[in-house]
Amino acid sequence: MSSPPDGAAARRRSRRRWVLAVVVVLLPLLVGAALAAAAVTGQLPDERVRVALSAQPHDWFLAAGAVPSAVGLVVLGLLARREARARRRAAELVAAAAEERRLLLSRLDHELKNPLTAMRAAVANLSSTRVSAGRGGDDDDRGAAAALASIEEQAVRLSRLTGDLRKIADVRSGALERSPVDLSALLQDAVSVVESPRGPSVHLDLPRAPWPLPPVLGDHDVLELAVVNLLDNAVKYTPADGAVEVRARHSGRDVVLEVADTGPGIAAEELEQVWEELYRSPRTRAVPGSGLGLALVRAVAERHGGSATVESRVGRGTAVRLVLPAADGAQGPG
């Protein structure tokens, strides 16, 4: 015989606990009622059990049993309401997780389908080229080369996609180093990686007076991964004649990093979705990418005890703000 699901067993255990609690709470009332009945029928052996008031002895027995039972029932009612709210919240979280997983699988299916379809078409073209190879000619050679190039391009795309998914999983569950990280040097290196003569201008603004940017506490490699992804995302969606600005400042006990661009912007209804894995706006699907860059950035920020937010205006640009705790805990301005 198969064992019942864990959820059903947990519900049965919960019901048994509540039944036992009700019995315990009603026990004083039952004892009081029994003593009252004994007083009414004259079965109390000690005649000294009397109350020098207008009430009869059995009334006092009932009151003595009813008061703690009533208090207990009120407490049980409050606990039952709290447990019901907790169950509803848990059910909502489970439903939200299931919906998030469904969306992730749907987007993953879409992201995998396109390169796989392209690879299948390239293989078909390559096979057709081989069949006609007996006739020879430069056109056949060029067709075979183009098919092989397409297969390689799509294989690289798939490899990048699976690699990014693995990085997000590692960031969320893997162990992180905790040491002071020079964010100023990290930003300078990241800007040199993403800027290109054919891309938009990238301007880095770091504080120098009256004090430089303090280090942040975290894992250097993981933070570098997030910053490079953030800058690469801004450069990728900004036209060549546009601009990307990278700003950092010390505020309170945090270091605030902001990456702003003059790209197409994000619609208001999509601002929260951009943090989801594999989400890509229909307006930007022509731009190469997997939709994992910002999801990785937020995962890194949260693992370091910080946060990531975004502001955007369609047609004007986007600003992504990353807040990270300062390593020395020094109080900055603001």
Protein backbone atom coordinates (compact mmCIF):
# COMPACT_ATOMS: atom_id res chain seq x y z
CA MET A 1 0.00 0.00 0.00
CA SER A 2 1.42 3.38 -0.96
CA SER A 3 1.95 5.98 1.74
CA PRO A 4 -0.23 9.13 1.66
CA PRO A 5 1.22 12.39 0.35
CA ASP A 6 3.13 14.51 2.83
CA GLY A 7 0.52 17.29 2.58
CA ALA A 8 -2.36 14.98 3.55
CA ALA A 9 -0.40 13.53 6.48
CA ALA A 10 0.47 17.04 7.69
CA ARG A 11 -3.20 18.08 7.53
CA ARG A 12 -4.22 15.04 9.59
CA ARG A 13 -1.56 15.79 12.19
CA SER A 14 -2.75 19.39 12.36
CA ARG A 15 -6.37 18.30 12.88
CA ARG A 16 -5.34 15.94 15.69
CA ARG A 17 -3.42 18.74 17.41
CA TRP A 18 -6.42 21.07 17.25
CA VAL A 19 -8.81 18.42 18.59
CA LEU A 20 -6.47 17.77 21.51
CA ALA A 21 -6.14 21.51 22.18
CA VAL A 22 -9.94 21.95 22.25
CA VAL A 23 -10.32 19.05 24.67
CA VAL A 24 -7.67 20.51 26.98
CA VAL A 25 -9.30 23.96 26.85
CA LEU A 26 -12.77 22.57 27.62
CA LEU A 27 -11.51 20.40 30.48
CA PRO A 28 -11.96 23.09 33.19
CA LEU A 29 -15.53 23.66 32.00
CA LEU A 30 -16.27 19.95 32.13
CA VAL A 31 -14.81 19.67 35.65
CA GLY A 32 -16.81 22.69 36.78
CA ALA A 33 -20.00 21.25 35.30
CA ALA A 34 -19.38 17.93 37.05
CA LEU A 35 -18.86 19.64 40.42
CA ALA A 36 -21.94 21.78 39.86
CA ALA A 37 -24.03 18.70 39.14
CA ALA A 38 -22.67 17.05 42.27
CA ALA A 39 -23.56 20.15 44.32
CA VAL A 40 -27.10 20.23 42.93
CA THR A 41 -27.72 16.56 43.68
CA GLY A 42 -26.18 16.79 47.14
CA GLN A 43 -23.38 14.36 46.37
CA LEU A 44 -20.57 16.58 47.65
CA PRO A 45 -19.27 14.83 50.78
CA ASP A 46 -18.13 18.01 52.55
CA GLU A 47 -21.01 20.21 53.71
CA ARG A 48 -18.59 23.05 54.33
CA VAL A 49 -18.49 23.72 50.59
CA ARG A 50 -20.72 26.75 50.71
CA VAL A 51 -20.50 30.31 49.47
CA ALA A 52 -21.75 33.12 51.64
CA LEU A 53 -23.34 34.96 48.72
CA SER A 54 -26.63 34.86 46.91
CA ALA A 55 -25.29 32.48 44.27
CA GLN A 56 -25.58 28.77 44.82
CA PRO A 57 -22.42 26.62 45.06
CA HIS A 58 -23.07 24.98 41.68
CA ASP A 59 -23.13 28.43 39.99
CA TRP A 60 -19.65 29.16 41.28
CA PHE A 61 -18.39 25.78 40.14
CA LEU A 62 -19.71 26.47 36.64
CA ALA A 63 -18.18 29.96 36.62
CA ALA A 64 -14.81 28.67 37.82
CA GLY A 65 -14.76 26.14 34.98
CA ALA A 66 -16.22 28.41 32.29
CA VAL A 67 -13.83 31.36 32.67
CA PRO A 68 -10.54 29.53 31.83
CA SER A 69 -12.30 27.58 29.10
CA ALA A 70 -13.64 30.78 27.56
CA VAL A 71 -10.19 32.38 27.68
CA GLY A 72 -8.69 29.26 26.15
CA LEU A 73 -11.27 29.23 23.35
CA VAL A 74 -10.47 32.88 22.52
CA VAL A 75 -6.76 32.07 22.40
CA LEU A 76 -7.43 29.03 20.19
CA GLY A 77 -9.53 31.19 17.88
CA LEU A 78 -6.72 33.69 17.48
CA LEU A 79 -4.21 30.91 16.86
CA ALA A 80 -6.56 29.32 14.32
CA ARG A 81 -6.85 32.63 12.44
CA ARG A 82 -3.08 33.04 12.42
CA GLU A 83 -2.57 29.49 11.17
CA ALA A 84 -5.20 30.00 8.46
CA ARG A 85 -3.40 33.14 7.30
CA ALA A 86 -0.10 31.28 7.28
CA ARG A 87 -1.63 28.46 5.23
CA ARG A 88 -3.06 30.93 2.73
CA ARG A 89 0.29 32.68 2.47
CA ALA A 90 2.08 29.37 1.96
CA ALA A 91 -0.44 28.38 -0.71
CA GLU A 92 0.08 31.72 -2.46
CA LEU A 93 3.86 31.25 -2.39
CA VAL A 94 3.54 27.74 -3.79
CA ALA A 95 1.23 28.98 -6.54
CA ALA A 96 3.58 31.87 -7.34
CA ALA A 97 6.57 29.51 -7.48
CA ALA A 98 4.67 27.17 -9.77
CA GLU A 99 3.71 30.04 -12.06
CA GLU A 100 7.29 31.32 -12.06
CA ARG A 101 8.54 27.84 -12.96
CA ARG A 102 5.93 27.56 -15.73
CA LEU A 103 7.01 30.91 -17.19
CA LEU A 104 10.67 29.94 -16.95
CA LEU A 105 10.10 26.65 -18.77
CA SER A 106 7.98 28.39 -21.40
CA ARG A 107 10.68 30.99 -22.03
CA LEU A 108 13.39 28.35 -21.99
CA ASP A 109 11.45 26.37 -24.58
CA HIS A 110 11.22 29.49 -26.74
CA GLU A 111 14.91 30.33 -26.36
CA LEU A 112 15.97 26.77 -27.21
CA LYS A 113 13.54 26.36 -30.09
CA ASN A 114 15.00 29.15 -32.22
CA PRO A 115 18.64 27.99 -32.27
CA LEU A 116 17.63 24.34 -32.63
CA THR A 117 15.40 25.19 -35.59
CA ALA A 118 18.25 27.16 -37.19
CA MET A 119 20.66 24.27 -36.62
CA ARG A 120 18.24 21.77 -38.17
CA ALA A 121 17.83 24.03 -41.22
CA ALA A 122 21.61 24.36 -41.52
CA VAL A 123 22.04 20.59 -41.31
CA ALA A 124 19.42 20.14 -44.02
CA ASN A 125 21.21 22.65 -46.23
CA LEU A 126 24.51 20.90 -45.57
CA SER A 127 23.02 17.54 -46.52
CA SER A 128 21.58 19.02 -49.69
CA THR A 129 24.98 20.47 -50.53
CA ARG A 130 26.64 17.08 -50.09
CA VAL A 131 24.10 15.42 -52.40
CA SER A 132 24.91 17.90 -55.13
CA ALA A 133 28.64 17.82 -54.42
CA GLY A 134 29.21 15.64 -57.46
CA ARG A 135 28.50 18.62 -59.68
CA GLY A 136 31.14 20.68 -57.87
CA GLY A 137 31.25 24.48 -58.01
CA ASP A 138 31.96 27.41 -55.71
CA ASP A 139 28.28 27.85 -54.83
CA ASP A 140 28.21 24.43 -53.17
CA ASP A 141 31.35 25.25 -51.18
CA ARG A 142 29.93 28.57 -50.04
CA GLY A 143 26.63 26.90 -49.06
CA ALA A 144 28.43 24.29 -46.98
CA ALA A 145 30.57 26.94 -45.28
CA ALA A 146 27.51 29.07 -44.49
CA ALA A 147 25.65 26.05 -43.04
CA LEU A 148 28.59 25.11 -40.84
CA ALA A 149 28.97 28.72 -39.66
CA SER A 150 25.27 28.82 -38.74
CA ILE A 151 25.55 25.59 -36.76
CA GLU A 152 28.57 26.91 -34.88
CA GLU A 153 26.86 30.23 -34.13
CA GLN A 154 23.77 28.55 -32.72
CA ALA A 155 25.85 26.07 -30.72
CA VAL A 156 27.69 29.00 -29.13
CA ARG A 157 24.35 30.63 -28.35
CA LEU A 158 23.08 27.48 -26.64
CA SER A 159 26.30 27.13 -24.69
CA ARG A 160 26.07 30.74 -23.50
CA LEU A 161 22.43 30.25 -22.47
CA THR A 162 23.11 27.13 -20.40
CA GLY A 163 26.22 28.75 -18.92
CA ASP A 164 24.25 31.81 -17.79
CA LEU A 165 21.58 29.61 -16.22
CA ARG A 166 24.27 27.72 -14.33
CA LYS A 167 25.81 30.99 -13.14
CA ILE A 168 22.48 32.17 -11.69
CA ALA A 169 22.00 28.84 -9.90
CA ASP A 170 25.54 29.02 -8.50
CA VAL A 171 25.08 32.59 -7.29
CA ARG A 172 21.80 31.79 -5.52
CA SER A 173 22.97 28.63 -3.77
CA GLY A 174 26.78 28.56 -3.86
CA ALA A 175 29.20 29.76 -1.20
CA LEU A 176 30.49 33.33 -1.53
CA GLU A 177 33.75 34.82 -0.31
CA ARG A 178 33.47 37.78 2.03
CA SER A 179 36.31 40.25 1.71
CA PRO A 180 36.72 43.98 0.92
CA VAL A 181 36.42 44.60 -2.83
CA ASP A 182 37.75 47.78 -4.47
CA LEU A 183 34.67 48.71 -6.47
CA SER A 184 36.41 51.65 -8.13
CA ALA A 185 39.06 49.40 -9.70
CA LEU A 186 36.43 46.81 -10.57
CA LEU A 187 34.33 49.43 -12.40
CA GLN A 188 37.33 50.71 -14.34
CA ASP A 189 38.15 47.17 -15.50
CA ALA A 190 34.52 46.48 -16.43
CA VAL A 191 34.26 49.67 -18.50
CA SER A 192 37.42 48.74 -20.42
CA VAL A 193 35.86 45.35 -21.17
CA VAL A 194 32.53 46.59 -22.58
CA GLU A 195 33.40 49.85 -24.34
CA SER A 196 34.04 49.70 -28.08
CA PRO A 197 34.85 52.26 -30.80
CA ARG A 198 31.75 51.08 -32.66
CA GLY A 199 29.48 51.35 -29.62
CA PRO A 200 28.11 54.18 -27.48
CA SER A 201 30.39 56.29 -25.34
CA VAL A 202 30.83 55.00 -21.79
CA HIS A 203 31.57 57.59 -19.09
CA LEU A 204 32.72 56.57 -15.60
CA ASP A 205 32.15 58.99 -12.73
CA LEU A 206 33.87 58.03 -9.45
CA PRO A 207 34.13 60.24 -6.33
CA ARG A 208 37.59 61.48 -5.37
CA ALA A 209 36.93 64.43 -3.07
CA PRO A 210 36.48 64.78 -0.18
CA TRP A 211 36.91 61.00 0.08
CA PRO A 212 37.13 58.13 -2.43
CA LEU A 213 34.63 55.34 -2.79
CA PRO A 214 34.94 52.83 0.09
CA PRO A 215 35.31 49.10 -0.66
CA VAL A 216 32.29 46.81 -0.55
CA LEU A 217 32.13 43.51 1.29
CA GLY A 218 31.68 40.54 -1.01
CA ASP A 219 32.99 38.10 -3.57
CA HIS A 220 35.16 39.89 -6.15
CA ASP A 221 34.54 37.45 -9.02
CA VAL A 222 30.78 37.35 -8.49
CA LEU A 223 30.54 41.14 -8.20
CA GLU A 224 32.63 41.52 -11.34
CA LEU A 225 30.27 39.16 -13.16
CA ALA A 226 27.26 41.26 -12.13
CA VAL A 227 28.86 44.60 -13.02
CA VAL A 228 30.06 43.40 -16.44
CA ASN A 229 26.58 42.02 -17.16
CA LEU A 230 25.00 45.31 -16.12
CA LEU A 231 27.31 47.40 -18.28
CA ASP A 232 27.11 45.00 -21.21
CA ASN A 233 23.31 45.14 -21.05
CA ALA A 234 23.36 48.96 -21.14
CA VAL A 235 25.82 49.09 -24.05
CA LYS A 236 23.93 46.43 -25.99
CA TYR A 237 20.62 48.33 -25.93
CA THR A 238 22.11 51.79 -26.54
CA PRO A 239 22.64 53.03 -30.13
CA ALA A 240 26.15 53.81 -31.27
CA ASP A 241 25.53 57.56 -31.07
CA GLY A 242 24.09 57.25 -27.55
CA ALA A 243 25.74 57.35 -24.14
CA VAL A 244 26.16 55.15 -21.09
CA GLU A 245 27.03 56.72 -17.74
CA VAL A 246 28.39 54.73 -14.79
CA ARG A 247 28.12 56.54 -11.47
CA ALA A 248 28.99 55.46 -7.94
CA ARG A 249 28.71 57.16 -4.55
CA HIS A 250 28.83 56.47 -0.83
CA SER A 251 25.40 56.88 0.82
CA GLY A 252 24.84 56.03 4.46
CA ARG A 253 26.38 52.61 5.07
CA ASP A 254 26.01 51.57 1.43
CA VAL A 255 27.72 52.06 -1.89
CA VAL A 256 25.28 52.97 -4.66
CA LEU A 257 26.19 52.08 -8.25
CA GLU A 258 24.06 53.44 -11.08
CA VAL A 259 24.33 52.54 -14.75
CA ALA A 260 22.27 54.81 -17.00
CA ASP A 261 21.83 54.69 -20.77
CA THR A 262 20.05 56.48 -23.59
CA GLY A 263 18.54 53.33 -25.06
CA PRO A 264 14.92 52.66 -26.05
CA GLY A 265 13.70 52.45 -22.45
CA ILE A 266 11.38 49.96 -20.79
CA ALA A 267 7.59 50.20 -20.61
CA ALA A 268 6.17 50.67 -17.12
CA GLU A 269 4.31 47.35 -17.20
CA GLU A 270 7.57 45.51 -17.94
CA LEU A 271 9.76 47.01 -15.22
CA GLU A 272 9.31 44.11 -12.79
CA GLN A 273 9.44 41.44 -15.49
CA VAL A 274 12.94 42.43 -16.62
CA TRP A 275 14.31 40.81 -13.44
CA GLU A 276 12.81 37.42 -14.34
CA GLU A 277 14.95 34.71 -15.93
CA LEU A 278 14.73 34.56 -19.73
CA TYR A 279 12.26 37.44 -19.98
CA ARG A 280 12.74 39.52 -23.10
CA SER A 281 10.54 42.37 -24.23
CA PRO A 282 8.87 41.82 -27.62
CA ARG A 283 10.24 45.24 -28.64
CA THR A 284 13.87 44.16 -28.18
CA ARG A 285 13.90 40.58 -29.44
CA ALA A 286 15.97 41.66 -32.44
CA VAL A 287 18.87 42.42 -30.06
CA PRO A 288 20.94 39.30 -29.30
CA GLY A 289 20.67 38.09 -25.75
CA SER A 290 19.20 35.48 -23.42
CA GLY A 291 17.23 37.63 -20.98
CA LEU A 292 19.39 36.52 -18.05
CA GLY A 293 21.62 39.57 -17.49
CA LEU A 294 19.43 41.54 -15.08
CA ALA A 295 18.23 38.39 -13.31
CA LEU A 296 21.86 37.61 -12.55
CA VAL A 297 22.51 41.18 -11.38
CA ARG A 298 19.64 41.08 -8.86
CA ALA A 299 20.66 37.62 -7.63
CA VAL A 300 24.20 38.89 -6.95
CA ALA A 301 22.93 42.03 -5.20
CA GLU A 302 20.60 40.09 -2.91
CA ARG A 303 23.27 37.49 -2.02
CA HIS A 304 25.48 40.40 -0.90
CA GLY A 305 22.75 41.90 1.29
CA GLY A 306 21.93 44.64 -1.20
CA SER A 307 19.27 45.40 -3.78
CA ALA A 308 18.78 46.20 -7.46
CA THR A 309 16.14 48.54 -8.87
CA VAL A 310 15.38 50.03 -12.25
CA GLU A 311 13.84 53.26 -13.54
CA SER A 312 13.07 53.86 -17.19
CA ARG A 313 11.27 56.08 -19.67
CA VAL A 314 10.31 54.80 -23.08
CA GLY A 315 12.27 56.64 -25.76
CA ARG A 316 14.57 58.28 -23.20
CA GLY A 317 16.60 55.55 -21.52
CA THR A 318 17.04 53.38 -18.45
CA ALA A 319 18.87 53.64 -15.12
CA VAL A 320 19.66 50.53 -13.06
CA ARG A 321 20.68 51.10 -9.45
CA LEU A 322 22.73 48.61 -7.45
CA VAL A 323 23.03 49.08 -3.66
CA LEU A 324 25.76 47.15 -1.79
CA PRO A 325 26.87 47.36 1.86
CA ALA A 326 30.20 49.14 2.39
CA ALA A 327 32.91 46.90 3.79
CA ASP A 328 34.04 49.22 6.60
CA GLY A 329 30.53 50.16 7.65
CA ALA A 330 31.57 53.82 7.62
CA GLN A 331 28.77 56.34 7.60
CA GLY A 332 28.76 58.29 4.37
CA PRO A 333 26.71 61.34 3.41
CA GLY A 334 22.99 60.98 2.74
